[in-house]
């Protein structure tokens, strides 16, 4: 195990959570968007994660020997949530159909805010882990004095 492996894992978590917060922000910003360039209402977006693969033989062998896995996380894509749109009765809306209903985005602002708090806490946890690692490294260097 390398000296900076735990920092690399935390850094990948920071990057993934930052992107997650960006996506959540975009969802909240478009919670009322009824017309997009693709046509129709805005669809909620979700990040797709996967575990980073071990890159070299030593790390794969080490993980198998110690029955551990994982080198961090990465976002492999952003998917649209295919749940149904919300129908809202607004006959004066420019995008209303002949019955007066408007298809609204499938974004629930309360759910997005909960996800934002979750992403923020995960980001903080990664920062804490990184700072703890840095502190342990500094203490190890002080032993050599």
N, C-alpha and C. Protein backbone atom coordinates (compact mmCIF):
# COMPACT_ATOMS: atom_id res chain seq x y z
N UNK A 1 0.84 -1.18 0.00
CA UNK A 1 0.00 0.00 0.00
C UNK A 1 0.88 1.23 0.00
N UNK A 2 0.63 2.13 -0.92
CA UNK A 2 1.41 3.34 -1.03
C UNK A 2 1.04 4.36 0.03
N UNK A 3 1.92 5.31 0.19
CA UNK A 3 1.74 6.34 1.20
C UNK A 3 0.53 7.23 0.91
N UNK A 4 0.27 7.47 -0.36
CA UNK A 4 -0.78 8.42 -0.71
C UNK A 4 -2.08 7.75 -1.17
N UNK A 5 -2.22 6.43 -1.02
CA UNK A 5 -3.43 5.74 -1.46
C UNK A 5 -4.69 6.28 -0.78
N UNK A 6 -4.62 6.50 0.53
CA UNK A 6 -5.82 6.98 1.23
C UNK A 6 -6.17 8.40 0.80
N UNK A 7 -5.18 9.20 0.47
CA UNK A 7 -5.45 10.55 -0.03
C UNK A 7 -6.09 10.46 -1.41
N UNK A 8 -5.62 9.53 -2.23
CA UNK A 8 -6.22 9.34 -3.56
C UNK A 8 -7.68 8.91 -3.46
N UNK A 9 -7.98 8.03 -2.51
CA UNK A 9 -9.36 7.58 -2.32
C UNK A 9 -10.24 8.75 -1.89
N UNK A 10 -9.77 9.54 -0.93
CA UNK A 10 -10.53 10.70 -0.48
C UNK A 10 -10.70 11.72 -1.60
N UNK A 11 -9.65 11.92 -2.39
CA UNK A 11 -9.73 12.89 -3.49
C UNK A 11 -10.75 12.45 -4.53
N UNK A 12 -10.82 11.16 -4.81
CA UNK A 12 -11.83 10.69 -5.77
C UNK A 12 -13.23 10.89 -5.21
N UNK A 13 -13.39 10.69 -3.91
CA UNK A 13 -14.68 10.94 -3.26
C UNK A 13 -15.06 12.41 -3.32
N UNK A 14 -14.09 13.30 -3.10
CA UNK A 14 -14.35 14.74 -3.19
C UNK A 14 -14.82 15.13 -4.59
N UNK A 15 -14.15 14.60 -5.59
CA UNK A 15 -14.52 14.91 -6.98
C UNK A 15 -15.92 14.41 -7.30
N UNK A 16 -16.23 13.19 -6.87
CA UNK A 16 -17.55 12.61 -7.15
C UNK A 16 -18.65 13.38 -6.43
N UNK A 17 -18.42 13.76 -5.19
CA UNK A 17 -19.45 14.49 -4.43
C UNK A 17 -19.63 15.91 -4.95
N UNK A 18 -18.56 16.53 -5.42
CA UNK A 18 -18.68 17.86 -6.01
C UNK A 18 -19.55 17.81 -7.26
N UNK A 19 -19.32 16.80 -8.11
CA UNK A 19 -20.14 16.63 -9.30
C UNK A 19 -21.59 16.33 -8.92
N UNK A 20 -21.77 15.52 -7.90
CA UNK A 20 -23.14 15.22 -7.43
C UNK A 20 -23.86 16.49 -6.99
N UNK A 21 -23.15 17.37 -6.27
CA UNK A 21 -23.76 18.63 -5.84
C UNK A 21 -24.06 19.53 -7.04
N UNK A 22 -23.20 19.52 -8.05
CA UNK A 22 -23.47 20.29 -9.27
C UNK A 22 -24.74 19.79 -9.97
N UNK A 23 -24.90 18.49 -10.05
CA UNK A 23 -26.07 17.90 -10.70
C UNK A 23 -27.34 18.23 -9.91
N UNK A 24 -27.26 18.14 -8.59
CA UNK A 24 -28.41 18.47 -7.75
C UNK A 24 -28.78 19.94 -7.93
N UNK A 25 -27.78 20.81 -8.00
CA UNK A 25 -28.04 22.24 -8.22
C UNK A 25 -28.75 22.47 -9.55
N UNK A 26 -28.31 21.75 -10.58
CA UNK A 26 -28.95 21.86 -11.89
C UNK A 26 -30.40 21.39 -11.82
N UNK A 27 -30.64 20.30 -11.09
CA UNK A 27 -32.00 19.79 -10.94
C UNK A 27 -32.90 20.83 -10.26
N UNK A 28 -32.41 21.43 -9.19
CA UNK A 28 -33.20 22.43 -8.46
C UNK A 28 -33.45 23.66 -9.34
N UNK A 29 -32.42 24.09 -10.07
CA UNK A 29 -32.57 25.26 -10.94
C UNK A 29 -33.61 25.04 -12.03
N UNK A 30 -33.79 23.79 -12.46
CA UNK A 30 -34.72 23.49 -13.54
C UNK A 30 -36.02 22.84 -13.06
N UNK A 31 -36.33 23.00 -11.79
CA UNK A 31 -37.53 22.37 -11.22
C UNK A 31 -38.82 22.88 -11.83
N UNK A 32 -38.80 24.02 -12.49
CA UNK A 32 -40.00 24.59 -13.10
C UNK A 32 -39.88 24.71 -14.62
N UNK A 33 -38.83 24.14 -15.20
CA UNK A 33 -38.60 24.25 -16.64
C UNK A 33 -39.50 23.29 -17.41
N UNK A 34 -40.43 23.86 -18.18
CA UNK A 34 -41.40 23.04 -18.91
C UNK A 34 -41.03 22.84 -20.37
N UNK A 35 -40.02 23.56 -20.84
CA UNK A 35 -39.62 23.44 -22.25
C UNK A 35 -38.10 23.46 -22.34
N UNK A 36 -37.55 22.39 -22.89
CA UNK A 36 -36.09 22.30 -23.06
C UNK A 36 -35.76 22.24 -24.54
N UNK A 37 -34.47 22.29 -24.86
CA UNK A 37 -34.04 22.20 -26.26
C UNK A 37 -34.39 20.84 -26.86
N UNK A 38 -34.42 19.81 -26.03
CA UNK A 38 -34.77 18.47 -26.49
C UNK A 38 -36.28 18.32 -26.68
N UNK A 39 -37.02 19.28 -26.19
CA UNK A 39 -38.48 19.21 -26.28
C UNK A 39 -39.05 18.60 -25.02
N UNK A 40 -40.10 19.18 -24.51
CA UNK A 40 -40.72 18.66 -23.30
C UNK A 40 -40.07 19.21 -22.05
N UNK A 41 -40.57 18.79 -20.90
CA UNK A 41 -40.04 19.28 -19.63
C UNK A 41 -38.63 18.75 -19.33
N UNK A 42 -37.99 19.42 -18.40
CA UNK A 42 -36.67 18.99 -17.92
C UNK A 42 -36.81 17.65 -17.20
N UNK A 43 -35.85 16.76 -17.42
CA UNK A 43 -35.81 15.49 -16.69
C UNK A 43 -34.71 15.55 -15.64
N UNK A 44 -35.03 15.08 -14.46
CA UNK A 44 -34.08 15.01 -13.35
C UNK A 44 -32.87 14.18 -13.77
N UNK A 45 -31.68 14.61 -13.36
CA UNK A 45 -30.46 13.89 -13.69
C UNK A 45 -29.87 13.26 -12.44
N UNK A 46 -29.21 12.12 -12.64
CA UNK A 46 -28.60 11.37 -11.54
C UNK A 46 -27.20 10.91 -11.95
N UNK A 47 -26.21 11.06 -11.05
CA UNK A 47 -24.87 10.54 -11.37
C UNK A 47 -24.81 9.03 -11.17
N UNK A 48 -24.00 8.37 -11.99
CA UNK A 48 -23.79 6.93 -11.88
C UNK A 48 -22.33 6.73 -11.46
N UNK A 49 -22.15 6.03 -10.34
CA UNK A 49 -20.81 5.80 -9.78
C UNK A 49 -20.35 4.37 -10.01
N UNK A 50 -19.04 4.20 -9.93
CA UNK A 50 -18.48 2.85 -9.86
C UNK A 50 -17.16 2.94 -9.11
N UNK A 51 -16.78 1.80 -8.58
CA UNK A 51 -15.52 1.70 -7.87
C UNK A 51 -14.39 1.80 -8.88
N UNK A 52 -13.35 2.57 -8.53
CA UNK A 52 -12.18 2.65 -9.40
C UNK A 52 -11.48 1.30 -9.41
N UNK A 53 -11.11 0.86 -10.55
CA UNK A 53 -10.42 -0.43 -10.68
C UNK A 53 -8.96 -0.26 -10.26
N UNK A 54 -8.43 -1.31 -9.66
CA UNK A 54 -7.01 -1.30 -9.35
C UNK A 54 -6.24 -1.27 -10.66
N UNK A 55 -5.19 -0.46 -10.73
CA UNK A 55 -4.54 -0.20 -11.99
C UNK A 55 -3.35 -1.10 -12.31
N UNK A 56 -2.67 -1.58 -11.30
CA UNK A 56 -1.48 -2.37 -11.60
C UNK A 56 -1.54 -3.72 -10.87
N UNK A 57 -0.64 -4.59 -11.24
CA UNK A 57 -0.64 -5.95 -10.69
C UNK A 57 -0.43 -5.93 -9.18
N UNK A 58 0.46 -5.08 -8.69
CA UNK A 58 0.76 -5.04 -7.26
C UNK A 58 -0.47 -4.70 -6.45
N UNK A 59 -1.23 -3.72 -6.90
CA UNK A 59 -2.43 -3.33 -6.14
C UNK A 59 -3.50 -4.41 -6.21
N UNK A 60 -3.63 -5.08 -7.35
CA UNK A 60 -4.61 -6.18 -7.47
C UNK A 60 -4.19 -7.33 -6.56
N UNK A 61 -2.90 -7.67 -6.58
CA UNK A 61 -2.38 -8.74 -5.74
C UNK A 61 -2.54 -8.39 -4.26
N UNK A 62 -2.20 -7.15 -3.90
CA UNK A 62 -2.35 -6.68 -2.53
C UNK A 62 -3.80 -6.78 -2.06
N UNK A 63 -4.73 -6.34 -2.90
CA UNK A 63 -6.14 -6.37 -2.54
C UNK A 63 -6.62 -7.81 -2.36
N UNK A 64 -6.19 -8.71 -3.22
CA UNK A 64 -6.59 -10.11 -3.11
C UNK A 64 -5.98 -10.75 -1.87
N UNK A 65 -4.73 -10.42 -1.59
CA UNK A 65 -4.04 -10.98 -0.44
C UNK A 65 -4.68 -10.53 0.87
N UNK A 66 -5.04 -9.27 0.94
CA UNK A 66 -5.61 -8.71 2.17
C UNK A 66 -7.13 -8.73 2.17
N UNK A 67 -7.72 -9.34 1.14
CA UNK A 67 -9.17 -9.43 0.98
C UNK A 67 -9.81 -8.05 1.07
N UNK A 68 -9.16 -7.09 0.45
CA UNK A 68 -9.68 -5.73 0.41
C UNK A 68 -9.83 -5.34 -1.05
N UNK A 69 -10.67 -4.38 -1.28
CA UNK A 69 -10.80 -3.86 -2.63
C UNK A 69 -11.05 -2.38 -2.56
N UNK A 70 -10.92 -1.74 -3.66
CA UNK A 70 -11.27 -0.33 -3.72
C UNK A 70 -10.08 0.58 -3.83
N UNK A 71 -10.19 1.47 -4.75
CA UNK A 71 -9.18 2.51 -4.92
C UNK A 71 -9.85 3.86 -5.07
N UNK A 72 -11.09 3.92 -4.65
CA UNK A 72 -11.83 5.17 -4.77
C UNK A 72 -13.08 4.96 -5.60
N UNK A 73 -13.61 6.06 -6.07
CA UNK A 73 -14.86 6.05 -6.82
C UNK A 73 -14.72 7.01 -8.00
N UNK A 74 -15.48 6.73 -9.05
CA UNK A 74 -15.52 7.64 -10.18
C UNK A 74 -16.94 7.70 -10.72
N UNK A 75 -17.25 8.83 -11.32
CA UNK A 75 -18.56 8.98 -11.97
C UNK A 75 -18.38 8.52 -13.41
N UNK A 76 -19.18 7.54 -13.80
CA UNK A 76 -19.05 7.00 -15.16
C UNK A 76 -20.10 7.55 -16.11
N UNK A 77 -21.04 8.28 -15.56
CA UNK A 77 -22.05 8.86 -16.42
C UNK A 77 -23.11 9.60 -15.64
N UNK A 78 -23.94 10.29 -16.38
CA UNK A 78 -25.08 11.00 -15.80
C UNK A 78 -26.31 10.54 -16.57
N UNK A 79 -27.25 9.95 -15.84
CA UNK A 79 -28.47 9.43 -16.45
C UNK A 79 -29.64 10.34 -16.14
N UNK A 80 -30.63 10.29 -17.01
CA UNK A 80 -31.87 10.99 -16.75
C UNK A 80 -32.82 10.07 -16.02
N UNK A 81 -33.51 10.60 -15.04
CA UNK A 81 -34.51 9.86 -14.29
C UNK A 81 -35.75 9.72 -15.17
N UNK A 82 -36.14 8.50 -15.45
CA UNK A 82 -37.25 8.26 -16.37
C UNK A 82 -38.61 8.15 -15.66
N UNK A 83 -38.68 8.60 -14.42
CA UNK A 83 -39.97 8.59 -13.73
C UNK A 83 -40.92 9.57 -14.43
N UNK A 84 -42.22 9.37 -14.28
CA UNK A 84 -43.17 10.19 -15.04
C UNK A 84 -43.14 11.67 -14.61
N UNK A 85 -43.49 12.52 -15.55
CA UNK A 85 -43.61 13.94 -15.27
C UNK A 85 -44.84 14.20 -14.40
N UNK A 86 -44.85 15.33 -13.74
CA UNK A 86 -45.99 15.73 -12.91
C UNK A 86 -46.95 16.55 -13.78
N UNK A 87 -48.22 16.19 -13.73
CA UNK A 87 -49.23 16.96 -14.47
C UNK A 87 -49.82 18.01 -13.53
N UNK A 88 -49.85 19.23 -14.01
CA UNK A 88 -50.34 20.33 -13.20
C UNK A 88 -51.38 21.12 -14.02
N UNK A 89 -52.48 21.44 -13.39
CA UNK A 89 -53.54 22.17 -14.10
C UNK A 89 -53.23 23.66 -14.07
N UNK A 90 -52.87 24.20 -15.22
CA UNK A 90 -52.59 25.63 -15.41
C UNK A 90 -53.03 26.00 -16.83
N UNK A 91 -54.30 26.28 -17.01
CA UNK A 91 -54.80 26.51 -18.37
C UNK A 91 -54.21 27.74 -19.07
N UNK A 92 -53.66 28.70 -18.32
CA UNK A 92 -53.09 29.91 -18.92
C UNK A 92 -51.60 29.76 -19.24
N UNK A 93 -51.02 28.64 -18.91
CA UNK A 93 -49.59 28.42 -19.17
C UNK A 93 -49.39 28.21 -20.67
N UNK A 94 -48.32 28.79 -21.25
CA UNK A 94 -48.10 28.62 -22.69
C UNK A 94 -47.87 27.17 -23.14
N UNK A 95 -47.43 26.30 -22.24
CA UNK A 95 -47.19 24.91 -22.59
C UNK A 95 -48.35 23.98 -22.20
N UNK A 96 -49.48 24.56 -21.83
CA UNK A 96 -50.63 23.74 -21.44
C UNK A 96 -51.22 23.04 -22.66
N UNK A 97 -51.71 21.82 -22.43
CA UNK A 97 -52.37 21.09 -23.53
C UNK A 97 -53.81 21.58 -23.67
N UNK A 98 -54.57 20.95 -24.54
CA UNK A 98 -55.95 21.40 -24.81
C UNK A 98 -56.86 21.28 -23.59
N UNK A 99 -56.49 20.44 -22.61
CA UNK A 99 -57.28 20.29 -21.39
C UNK A 99 -56.79 21.20 -20.26
N UNK A 100 -55.74 21.97 -20.51
CA UNK A 100 -55.22 22.91 -19.51
C UNK A 100 -54.14 22.35 -18.60
N UNK A 101 -53.66 21.15 -18.90
CA UNK A 101 -52.62 20.53 -18.07
C UNK A 101 -51.24 20.78 -18.65
N UNK A 102 -50.29 21.02 -17.77
CA UNK A 102 -48.89 21.24 -18.14
C UNK A 102 -48.07 20.09 -17.55
N UNK A 103 -47.19 19.54 -18.35
CA UNK A 103 -46.25 18.54 -17.83
C UNK A 103 -45.10 19.27 -17.18
N UNK A 104 -44.92 19.03 -15.88
CA UNK A 104 -43.85 19.67 -15.11
C UNK A 104 -42.70 18.66 -14.93
N UNK A 105 -41.48 19.15 -14.69
CA UNK A 105 -40.34 18.26 -14.50
C UNK A 105 -40.56 17.27 -13.35
N UNK A 106 -39.87 16.15 -13.42
CA UNK A 106 -39.97 15.12 -12.38
C UNK A 106 -38.98 15.40 -11.24
N UNK A 107 -38.82 16.66 -10.91
CA UNK A 107 -37.89 17.09 -9.85
C UNK A 107 -38.70 17.46 -8.62
N UNK A 108 -38.37 16.83 -7.50
CA UNK A 108 -38.97 17.17 -6.21
C UNK A 108 -37.90 17.95 -5.43
N UNK A 109 -38.15 19.22 -5.18
CA UNK A 109 -37.14 20.09 -4.56
C UNK A 109 -36.76 19.61 -3.16
N UNK A 110 -37.71 19.07 -2.41
CA UNK A 110 -37.41 18.57 -1.07
C UNK A 110 -36.44 17.39 -1.15
N UNK A 111 -36.69 16.47 -2.06
CA UNK A 111 -35.78 15.33 -2.26
C UNK A 111 -34.40 15.81 -2.67
N UNK A 112 -34.35 16.80 -3.56
CA UNK A 112 -33.06 17.32 -4.01
C UNK A 112 -32.30 17.99 -2.86
N UNK A 113 -33.01 18.69 -1.99
CA UNK A 113 -32.35 19.33 -0.84
C UNK A 113 -31.80 18.28 0.13
N UNK A 114 -32.55 17.21 0.32
CA UNK A 114 -32.05 16.11 1.17
C UNK A 114 -30.80 15.51 0.55
N UNK A 115 -30.82 15.29 -0.77
CA UNK A 115 -29.64 14.77 -1.46
C UNK A 115 -28.47 15.74 -1.37
N UNK A 116 -28.75 17.04 -1.41
CA UNK A 116 -27.69 18.04 -1.30
C UNK A 116 -27.03 17.98 0.07
N UNK A 117 -27.83 17.84 1.13
CA UNK A 117 -27.28 17.72 2.48
C UNK A 117 -26.44 16.45 2.58
N UNK A 118 -26.93 15.36 2.00
CA UNK A 118 -26.19 14.09 2.01
C UNK A 118 -24.85 14.24 1.29
N UNK A 119 -24.87 14.86 0.13
CA UNK A 119 -23.63 15.06 -0.64
C UNK A 119 -22.66 15.97 0.11
N UNK A 120 -23.20 16.98 0.75
CA UNK A 120 -22.36 17.90 1.52
C UNK A 120 -21.69 17.19 2.70
N UNK A 121 -22.44 16.34 3.38
CA UNK A 121 -21.87 15.58 4.51
C UNK A 121 -20.83 14.57 4.03
N UNK A 122 -21.08 13.94 2.89
CA UNK A 122 -20.10 13.01 2.33
C UNK A 122 -18.83 13.75 1.93
N UNK A 123 -18.99 14.95 1.39
CA UNK A 123 -17.83 15.77 1.02
C UNK A 123 -17.02 16.11 2.27
N UNK A 124 -17.73 16.52 3.33
CA UNK A 124 -17.06 16.84 4.60
C UNK A 124 -16.33 15.62 5.16
N UNK A 125 -16.93 14.44 5.06
CA UNK A 125 -16.30 13.23 5.57
C UNK A 125 -15.01 12.93 4.81
N UNK A 126 -15.01 13.15 3.50
CA UNK A 126 -13.80 12.95 2.72
C UNK A 126 -12.72 13.96 3.08
N UNK A 127 -13.11 15.19 3.34
CA UNK A 127 -12.14 16.21 3.77
C UNK A 127 -11.55 15.82 5.12
N UNK A 128 -12.40 15.35 6.03
CA UNK A 128 -11.92 14.93 7.35
C UNK A 128 -10.96 13.75 7.24
N UNK A 129 -11.28 12.79 6.40
CA UNK A 129 -10.40 11.64 6.21
C UNK A 129 -9.06 12.08 5.63
N UNK A 130 -9.11 13.00 4.68
CA UNK A 130 -7.87 13.49 4.08
C UNK A 130 -7.02 14.25 5.11
N UNK A 131 -7.66 15.08 5.92
CA UNK A 131 -6.93 15.82 6.95
C UNK A 131 -6.35 14.89 8.00
N UNK A 132 -7.07 13.83 8.36
CA UNK A 132 -6.55 12.85 9.32
C UNK A 132 -5.33 12.14 8.76
N UNK A 133 -5.38 11.79 7.50
CA UNK A 133 -4.24 11.14 6.85
C UNK A 133 -3.03 12.07 6.85
N UNK A 134 -3.28 13.32 6.50
CA UNK A 134 -2.19 14.31 6.48
C UNK A 134 -1.59 14.48 7.88
N UNK A 135 -2.46 14.51 8.89
CA UNK A 135 -1.98 14.65 10.27
C UNK A 135 -1.13 13.45 10.69
N UNK A 136 -1.58 12.23 10.30
CA UNK A 136 -0.79 11.03 10.63
C UNK A 136 0.56 11.05 9.94
N UNK A 137 0.59 11.51 8.70
CA UNK A 137 1.86 11.61 7.98
C UNK A 137 2.80 12.59 8.65
N UNK A 138 2.25 13.70 9.10
CA UNK A 138 3.09 14.70 9.78
C UNK A 138 3.63 14.15 11.10
N UNK A 139 2.81 13.42 11.84
CA UNK A 139 3.26 12.81 13.10
C UNK A 139 4.35 11.76 12.84
N UNK A 140 4.20 11.02 11.76
CA UNK A 140 5.21 10.02 11.40
C UNK A 140 6.54 10.69 11.07
N UNK A 141 6.48 11.83 10.40
CA UNK A 141 7.70 12.55 10.08
C UNK A 141 8.35 13.14 11.33
N UNK A 142 7.55 13.52 12.32
CA UNK A 142 8.10 14.06 13.56
C UNK A 142 8.81 13.00 14.39
N UNK A 143 8.43 11.74 14.21
CA UNK A 143 9.09 10.65 14.94
C UNK A 143 10.56 10.58 14.55
N UNK A 144 10.84 10.86 13.29
CA UNK A 144 12.21 10.76 12.80
C UNK A 144 13.13 11.87 13.27
N UNK A 145 12.65 12.86 13.97
CA UNK A 145 13.51 13.96 14.44
C UNK A 145 14.36 13.57 15.59
